[in-house]
Amino acid sequence: MAEMGPVRKIDDLGRVVIPKKFRKTFNWPIGMEVEISAADGKVIVAKHSTACVFCGKPTRVQIGEQHICPACAAKY
């Protein structure tokens, strides 16, 4: 089981601060986009990825919830 971190309160706007310790550990700079999801009753915060699901190259092309670069889209 994961180690418990600091306790944070949800503010009036529904925000929670991610502690500096974690931002430094994961090299998350100020302004970085994150994805928020839920599984098994837990909230998951992860670095937002715009990489092609086939080749891993950065892309802004999105089909459904998947990012696919133009070269791979042409192949498939």
PDB file of N, CA and C in Angstrom:
ATOM      1  N   MET A   1       0.843  -1.180   0.000  1.00  0.00           N
ATOM      2  CA  MET A   1       0.000   0.000   0.000  1.00  0.00           C
ATOM      3  C   MET A   1       0.886   1.240   0.000  1.00  0.00           C
ATOM      4  N   ALA A   2       0.423   2.310  -0.674  1.00  0.00           N
ATOM      5  CA  ALA A   2       1.197   3.540  -0.791  1.00  0.00           C
ATOM      6  C   ALA A   2       1.305   4.257   0.549  1.00  0.00           C
ATOM      7  N   GLU A   3       2.404   4.970   0.711  1.00  0.00           N
ATOM      8  CA  GLU A   3       2.637   5.761   1.909  1.00  0.00           C
ATOM      9  C   GLU A   3       1.655   6.927   1.955  1.00  0.00           C
ATOM     10  N   MET A   4       1.139   7.225   3.130  1.00  0.00           N
ATOM     11  CA  MET A   4       0.213   8.353   3.278  1.00  0.00           C
ATOM     12  C   MET A   4       0.992   9.655   3.216  1.00  0.00           C
ATOM     13  N   GLY A   5       0.465  10.612   2.488  1.00  0.00           N
ATOM     14  CA  GLY A   5       1.094  11.919   2.370  1.00  0.00           C
ATOM     15  C   GLY A   5       0.411  12.920   3.278  1.00  0.00           C
ATOM     16  N   PRO A   6       0.729  14.201   3.083  1.00  0.00           N
ATOM     17  CA  PRO A   6       0.096  15.230   3.905  1.00  0.00           C
ATOM     18  C   PRO A   6      -1.402  15.329   3.625  1.00  0.00           C
ATOM     19  N   VAL A   7      -2.147  15.751   4.614  1.00  0.00           N
ATOM     20  CA  VAL A   7      -3.588  15.922   4.477  1.00  0.00           C
ATOM     21  C   VAL A   7      -3.848  17.333   3.950  1.00  0.00           C
ATOM     22  N   ARG A   8      -4.719  17.463   2.968  1.00  0.00           N
ATOM     23  CA  ARG A   8      -5.057  18.760   2.378  1.00  0.00           C
ATOM     24  C   ARG A   8      -6.571  18.930   2.418  1.00  0.00           C
ATOM     25  N   LYS A   9      -7.011  20.173   2.567  1.00  0.00           N
ATOM     26  CA  LYS A   9      -8.442  20.478   2.531  1.00  0.00           C
ATOM     27  C   LYS A   9      -8.827  20.909   1.124  1.00  0.00           C
ATOM     28  N   ILE A  10     -10.063  20.608   0.749  1.00  0.00           N
ATOM     29  CA  ILE A  10     -10.615  21.088  -0.504  1.00  0.00           C
ATOM     30  C   ILE A  10     -11.127  22.499  -0.234  1.00  0.00           C
ATOM     31  N   ASP A  11     -10.701  23.488  -1.066  1.00  0.00           N
ATOM     32  CA  ASP A  11     -11.135  24.866  -0.824  1.00  0.00           C
ATOM     33  C   ASP A  11     -12.537  25.123  -1.380  1.00  0.00           C
ATOM     34  N   ASP A  12     -13.013  26.358  -1.251  1.00  0.00           N
ATOM     35  CA  ASP A  12     -14.378  26.718  -1.671  1.00  0.00           C
ATOM     36  C   ASP A  12     -14.619  26.502  -3.159  1.00  0.00           C
ATOM     37  N   LEU A  13     -13.565  26.509  -3.965  1.00  0.00           N
ATOM     38  CA  LEU A  13     -13.692  26.308  -5.406  1.00  0.00           C
ATOM     39  C   LEU A  13     -13.443  24.858  -5.813  1.00  0.00           C
ATOM     40  N   GLY A  14     -13.254  23.963  -4.830  1.00  0.00           N
ATOM     41  CA  GLY A  14     -13.043  22.546  -5.117  1.00  0.00           C
ATOM     42  C   GLY A  14     -11.605  22.198  -5.442  1.00  0.00           C
ATOM     43  N   ARG A  15     -10.672  23.094  -5.140  1.00  0.00           N
ATOM     44  CA  ARG A  15      -9.264  22.860  -5.461  1.00  0.00           C
ATOM     45  C   ARG A  15      -8.519  22.189  -4.309  1.00  0.00           C
ATOM     46  N   VAL A  16      -7.500  21.421  -4.681  1.00  0.00           N
ATOM     47  CA  VAL A  16      -6.598  20.789  -3.720  1.00  0.00           C
ATOM     48  C   VAL A  16      -5.179  21.078  -4.198  1.00  0.00           C
ATOM     49  N   VAL A  17      -4.318  21.507  -3.294  1.00  0.00           N
ATOM     50  CA  VAL A  17      -2.931  21.792  -3.650  1.00  0.00           C
ATOM     51  C   VAL A  17      -2.134  20.494  -3.643  1.00  0.00           C
ATOM     52  N   ILE A  18      -1.381  20.264  -4.727  1.00  0.00           N
ATOM     53  CA  ILE A  18      -0.472  19.113  -4.767  1.00  0.00           C
ATOM     54  C   ILE A  18       0.812  19.561  -4.082  1.00  0.00           C
ATOM     55  N   PRO A  19       1.210  18.898  -3.000  1.00  0.00           N
ATOM     56  CA  PRO A  19       2.385  19.322  -2.247  1.00  0.00           C
ATOM     57  C   PRO A  19       3.649  19.416  -3.108  1.00  0.00           C
ATOM     58  N   LYS A  20       4.489  20.387  -2.777  1.00  0.00           N
ATOM     59  CA  LYS A  20       5.732  20.634  -3.506  1.00  0.00           C
ATOM     60  C   LYS A  20       6.601  19.377  -3.575  1.00  0.00           C
ATOM     61  N   LYS A  21       6.612  18.606  -2.494  1.00  0.00           N
ATOM     62  CA  LYS A  21       7.396  17.363  -2.438  1.00  0.00           C
ATOM     63  C   LYS A  21       7.048  16.450  -3.612  1.00  0.00           C
ATOM     64  N   PHE A  22       5.758  16.312  -3.900  1.00  0.00           N
ATOM     65  CA  PHE A  22       5.323  15.453  -4.996  1.00  0.00           C
ATOM     66  C   PHE A  22       5.616  16.088  -6.348  1.00  0.00           C
ATOM     67  N   ARG A  23       5.378  17.402  -6.476  1.00  0.00           N
ATOM     68  CA  ARG A  23       5.664  18.077  -7.746  1.00  0.00           C
ATOM     69  C   ARG A  23       7.134  17.968  -8.102  1.00  0.00           C
ATOM     70  N   LYS A  24       8.014  18.070  -7.095  1.00  0.00           N
ATOM     71  CA  LYS A  24       9.456  17.933  -7.347  1.00  0.00           C
ATOM     72  C   LYS A  24       9.814  16.491  -7.697  1.00  0.00           C
ATOM     73  N   THR A  25       9.247  15.538  -6.988  1.00  0.00           N
ATOM     74  CA  THR A  25       9.524  14.124  -7.231  1.00  0.00           C
ATOM     75  C   THR A  25       9.179  13.738  -8.660  1.00  0.00           C
ATOM     76  N   PHE A  26       8.042  14.217  -9.166  1.00  0.00           N
ATOM     77  CA  PHE A  26       7.582  13.852 -10.504  1.00  0.00           C
ATOM     78  C   PHE A  26       7.975  14.878 -11.573  1.00  0.00           C
ATOM     79  N   ASN A  27       8.735  15.917 -11.162  1.00  0.00           N
ATOM     80  CA  ASN A  27       9.190  16.956 -12.083  1.00  0.00           C
ATOM     81  C   ASN A  27       8.004  17.609 -12.802  1.00  0.00           C
ATOM     82  N   TRP A  28       6.996  18.012 -12.037  1.00  0.00           N
ATOM     83  CA  TRP A  28       5.805  18.660 -12.570  1.00  0.00           C
ATOM     84  C   TRP A  28       5.949  20.166 -12.401  1.00  0.00           C
ATOM     85  N   PRO A  29       6.209  20.906 -13.482  1.00  0.00           N
ATOM     86  CA  PRO A  29       6.369  22.359 -13.373  1.00  0.00           C
ATOM     87  C   PRO A  29       5.024  23.058 -13.194  1.00  0.00           C
ATOM     88  N   ILE A  30       5.082  24.288 -12.716  1.00  0.00           N
ATOM     89  CA  ILE A  30       3.885  25.116 -12.592  1.00  0.00           C
ATOM     90  C   ILE A  30       3.255  25.254 -13.981  1.00  0.00           C
ATOM     91  N   GLY A  31       1.964  25.103 -14.080  1.00  0.00           N
ATOM     92  CA  GLY A  31       1.263  25.262 -15.351  1.00  0.00           C
ATOM     93  C   GLY A  31       1.127  23.991 -16.171  1.00  0.00           C
ATOM     94  N   MET A  32       1.753  22.908 -15.737  1.00  0.00           N
ATOM     95  CA  MET A  32       1.654  21.650 -16.469  1.00  0.00           C
ATOM     96  C   MET A  32       0.216  21.131 -16.423  1.00  0.00           C
ATOM     97  N   GLU A  33      -0.250  20.548 -17.519  1.00  0.00           N
ATOM     98  CA  GLU A  33      -1.594  19.981 -17.556  1.00  0.00           C
ATOM     99  C   GLU A  33      -1.590  18.585 -16.943  1.00  0.00           C
ATOM    100  N   VAL A  34      -2.624  18.289 -16.163  1.00  0.00           N
ATOM    101  CA  VAL A  34      -2.774  16.960 -15.567  1.00  0.00           C
ATOM    102  C   VAL A  34      -4.131  16.385 -15.956  1.00  0.00           C
ATOM    103  N   GLU A  35      -4.202  15.071 -15.939  1.00  0.00           N
ATOM    104  CA  GLU A  35      -5.460  14.365 -16.174  1.00  0.00           C
ATOM    105  C   GLU A  35      -5.959  13.867 -14.829  1.00  0.00           C
ATOM    106  N   ILE A  36      -7.255  14.005 -14.593  1.00  0.00           N
ATOM    107  CA  ILE A  36      -7.845  13.561 -13.343  1.00  0.00           C
ATOM    108  C   ILE A  36      -8.879  12.490 -13.664  1.00  0.00           C
ATOM    109  N   SER A  37      -8.707  11.321 -13.050  1.00  0.00           N
ATOM    110  CA  SER A  37      -9.638  10.219 -13.282  1.00  0.00           C
ATOM    111  C   SER A  37      -9.939   9.542 -11.948  1.00  0.00           C
ATOM    112  N   ALA A  38     -10.787   8.552 -11.995  1.00  0.00           N
ATOM    113  CA  ALA A  38     -11.144   7.830 -10.773  1.00  0.00           C
ATOM    114  C   ALA A  38     -11.183   6.339 -11.054  1.00  0.00           C
ATOM    115  N   ALA A  39     -10.739   5.548 -10.073  1.00  0.00           N
ATOM    116  CA  ALA A  39     -10.779   4.089 -10.166  1.00  0.00           C
ATOM    117  C   ALA A  39     -10.765   3.513  -8.758  1.00  0.00           C
ATOM    118  N   ASP A  40     -11.597   2.525  -8.531  1.00  0.00           N
ATOM    119  CA  ASP A  40     -11.646   1.827  -7.242  1.00  0.00           C
ATOM    120  C   ASP A  40     -11.823   2.787  -6.065  1.00  0.00           C
ATOM    121  N   GLY A  41     -12.637   3.823  -6.248  1.00  0.00           N
ATOM    122  CA  GLY A  41     -12.911   4.761  -5.166  1.00  0.00           C
ATOM    123  C   GLY A  41     -11.794   5.735  -4.877  1.00  0.00           C
ATOM    124  N   LYS A  42     -10.810   5.850  -5.780  1.00  0.00           N
ATOM    125  CA  LYS A  42      -9.684   6.759  -5.582  1.00  0.00           C
ATOM    126  C   LYS A  42      -9.606   7.748  -6.741  1.00  0.00           C
ATOM    127  N   VAL A  43      -9.143   8.941  -6.445  1.00  0.00           N
ATOM    128  CA  VAL A  43      -8.907   9.945  -7.477  1.00  0.00           C
ATOM    129  C   VAL A  43      -7.459   9.805  -7.922  1.00  0.00           C
ATOM    130  N   ILE A  44      -7.251   9.787  -9.232  1.00  0.00           N
ATOM    131  CA  ILE A  44      -5.912   9.619  -9.797  1.00  0.00           C
ATOM    132  C   ILE A  44      -5.541  10.877 -10.563  1.00  0.00           C
ATOM    133  N   VAL A  45      -4.400  11.462 -10.228  1.00  0.00           N
ATOM    134  CA  VAL A  45      -3.888  12.640 -10.922  1.00  0.00           C
ATOM    135  C   VAL A  45      -2.629  12.199 -11.658  1.00  0.00           C
ATOM    136  N   ALA A  46      -2.600  12.404 -12.976  1.00  0.00           N
ATOM    137  CA  ALA A  46      -1.461  11.971 -13.782  1.00  0.00           C
ATOM    138  C   ALA A  46      -1.088  13.054 -14.783  1.00  0.00           C
ATOM    139  N   LYS A  47       0.155  13.055 -15.201  1.00  0.00           N
ATOM    140  CA  LYS A  47       0.622  13.994 -16.209  1.00  0.00           C
ATOM    141  C   LYS A  47      -0.179  13.777 -17.493  1.00  0.00           C
ATOM    142  N   HIS A  48      -0.666  14.876 -18.068  1.00  0.00           N
ATOM    143  CA  HIS A  48      -1.432  14.797 -19.312  1.00  0.00           C
ATOM    144  C   HIS A  48      -0.487  14.420 -20.445  1.00  0.00           C
ATOM    145  N   SER A  49      -0.861  13.451 -21.227  1.00  0.00           N
ATOM    146  CA  SER A  49      -0.026  12.996 -22.330  1.00  0.00           C
ATOM    147  C   SER A  49      -0.728  13.232 -23.649  1.00  0.00           C
ATOM    148  N   THR A  50       0.006  13.803 -24.593  1.00  0.00           N
ATOM    149  CA  THR A  50      -0.526  13.977 -25.938  1.00  0.00           C
ATOM    150  C   THR A  50       0.326  13.178 -26.918  1.00  0.00           C
ATOM    151  N   ALA A  51       0.862  12.067 -26.458  1.00  0.00           N
ATOM    152  CA  ALA A  51       1.692  11.216 -27.313  1.00  0.00           C
ATOM    153  C   ALA A  51       0.819  10.237 -28.086  1.00  0.00           C
ATOM    154  N   CYS A  52       1.256   9.937 -29.301  1.00  0.00           N
ATOM    155  CA  CYS A  52       0.563   8.970 -30.150  1.00  0.00           C
ATOM    156  C   CYS A  52       0.554   7.606 -29.463  1.00  0.00           C
ATOM    157  N   VAL A  53      -0.604   6.957 -29.434  1.00  0.00           N
ATOM    158  CA  VAL A  53      -0.718   5.658 -28.774  1.00  0.00           C
ATOM    159  C   VAL A  53       0.033   4.563 -29.527  1.00  0.00           C
ATOM    160  N   PHE A  54       0.355   4.800 -30.805  1.00  0.00           N
ATOM    161  CA  PHE A  54       1.060   3.789 -31.604  1.00  0.00           C
ATOM    162  C   PHE A  54       2.577   3.974 -31.577  1.00  0.00           C
ATOM    163  N   CYS A  55       3.055   5.206 -31.820  1.00  0.00           N
ATOM    164  CA  CYS A  55       4.507   5.402 -31.950  1.00  0.00           C
ATOM    165  C   CYS A  55       5.118   6.231 -30.827  1.00  0.00           C
ATOM    166  N   GLY A  56       4.295   6.908 -30.025  1.00  0.00           N
ATOM    167  CA  GLY A  56       4.798   7.684 -28.900  1.00  0.00           C
ATOM    168  C   GLY A  56       5.221   9.102 -29.237  1.00  0.00           C
ATOM    169  N   LYS A  57       5.112   9.506 -30.510  1.00  0.00           N
ATOM    170  CA  LYS A  57       5.492  10.873 -30.896  1.00  0.00           C
ATOM    171  C   LYS A  57       4.445  11.859 -30.381  1.00  0.00           C
ATOM    172  N   PRO A  58       4.893  13.070 -29.970  1.00  0.00           N
ATOM    173  CA  PRO A  58       3.933  14.078 -29.510  1.00  0.00           C
ATOM    174  C   PRO A  58       2.970  14.468 -30.629  1.00  0.00           C
ATOM    175  N   THR A  59       1.710  14.633 -30.299  1.00  0.00           N
ATOM    176  CA  THR A  59       0.702  15.033 -31.280  1.00  0.00           C
ATOM    177  C   THR A  59      -0.455  15.717 -30.591  1.00  0.00           C
ATOM    178  N   ARG A  60      -1.159  16.551 -31.306  1.00  0.00           N
ATOM    179  CA  ARG A  60      -2.369  17.196 -30.788  1.00  0.00           C
ATOM    180  C   ARG A  60      -3.618  16.592 -31.434  1.00  0.00           C
ATOM    181  N   VAL A  61      -3.432  15.631 -32.344  1.00  0.00           N
ATOM    182  CA  VAL A  61      -4.561  15.003 -33.015  1.00  0.00           C
ATOM    183  C   VAL A  61      -5.187  13.990 -32.061  1.00  0.00           C
ATOM    184  N   GLN A  62      -6.484  14.125 -31.851  1.00  0.00           N
ATOM    185  CA  GLN A  62      -7.171  13.242 -30.917  1.00  0.00           C
ATOM    186  C   GLN A  62      -8.387  12.636 -31.598  1.00  0.00           C
ATOM    187  N   ILE A  63      -8.509  11.320 -31.493  1.00  0.00           N
ATOM    188  CA  ILE A  63      -9.672  10.607 -31.997  1.00  0.00           C
ATOM    189  C   ILE A  63     -10.301   9.912 -30.800  1.00  0.00           C
ATOM    190  N   GLY A  64     -11.492  10.354 -30.435  1.00  0.00           N
ATOM    191  CA  GLY A  64     -12.097   9.866 -29.199  1.00  0.00           C
ATOM    192  C   GLY A  64     -11.238  10.326 -28.035  1.00  0.00           C
ATOM    193  N   GLU A  65     -10.775   9.397 -27.235  1.00  0.00           N
ATOM    194  CA  GLU A  65      -9.899   9.749 -26.112  1.00  0.00           C
ATOM    195  C   GLU A  65      -8.438   9.420 -26.400  1.00  0.00           C
ATOM    196  N   GLN A  66      -8.137   8.951 -27.595  1.00  0.00           N
ATOM    197  CA  GLN A  66      -6.775   8.543 -27.950  1.00  0.00           C
ATOM    198  C   GLN A  66      -6.092   9.590 -28.816  1.00  0.00           C
ATOM    199  N   HIS A  67      -4.804   9.799 -28.584  1.00  0.00           N
ATOM    200  CA  HIS A  67      -4.010  10.689 -29.425  1.00  0.00           C
ATOM    201  C   HIS A  67      -3.302   9.848 -30.488  1.00  0.00           C
ATOM    202  N   ILE A  68      -3.405  10.276 -31.727  1.00  0.00           N
ATOM    203  CA  ILE A  68      -2.799   9.551 -32.838  1.00  0.00           C
ATOM    204  C   ILE A  68      -2.133  10.559 -33.760  1.00  0.00           C
ATOM    205  N   CYS A  69      -0.850  10.357 -34.076  1.00  0.00           N
ATOM    206  CA  CYS A  69      -0.153  11.290 -34.961  1.00  0.00           C
ATOM    207  C   CYS A  69      -0.644  11.080 -36.406  1.00  0.00           C
ATOM    208  N   PRO A  70      -0.493  12.087 -37.266  1.00  0.00           N
ATOM    209  CA  PRO A  70      -0.959  11.982 -38.642  1.00  0.00           C
ATOM    210  C   PRO A  70      -0.362  10.791 -39.401  1.00  0.00           C
ATOM    211  N   ALA A  71       0.923  10.483 -39.166  1.00  0.00           N
ATOM    212  CA  ALA A  71       1.560   9.361 -39.867  1.00  0.00           C
ATOM    213  C   ALA A  71       0.898   8.038 -39.486  1.00  0.00           C
ATOM    214  N   CYS A  72       0.648   7.829 -38.210  1.00  0.00           N
ATOM    215  CA  CYS A  72       0.006   6.578 -37.784  1.00  0.00           C
ATOM    216  C   CYS A  72      -1.461   6.537 -38.203  1.00  0.00           C
ATOM    217  N   ALA A  73      -2.123   7.695 -38.200  1.00  0.00           N
ATOM    218  CA  ALA A  73      -3.526   7.741 -38.644  1.00  0.00           C
ATOM    219  C   ALA A  73      -3.627   7.298 -40.100  1.00  0.00           C
ATOM    220  N   ALA A  74      -2.641   7.686 -40.912  1.00  0.00           N
ATOM    221  CA  ALA A  74      -2.646   7.305 -42.326  1.00  0.00           C
ATOM    222  C   ALA A  74      -2.435   5.794 -42.494  1.00  0.00           C
ATOM    223  N   LYS A  75      -1.628   5.195 -41.605  1.00  0.00           N
ATOM    224  CA  LYS A  75      -1.349   3.747 -41.676  1.00  0.00           C
ATOM    225  C   LYS A  75      -2.560   2.919 -41.272  1.00  0.00           C
ATOM    226  N   TYR A  76      -3.272   3.387 -40.242  1.00  0.00           N
ATOM    227  CA  TYR A  76      -4.352   2.591 -39.666  1.00  0.00           C
ATOM    228  C   TYR A  76      -5.671   3.121 -40.117  1.00  0.00           C
TER     229      TYR A  76
END
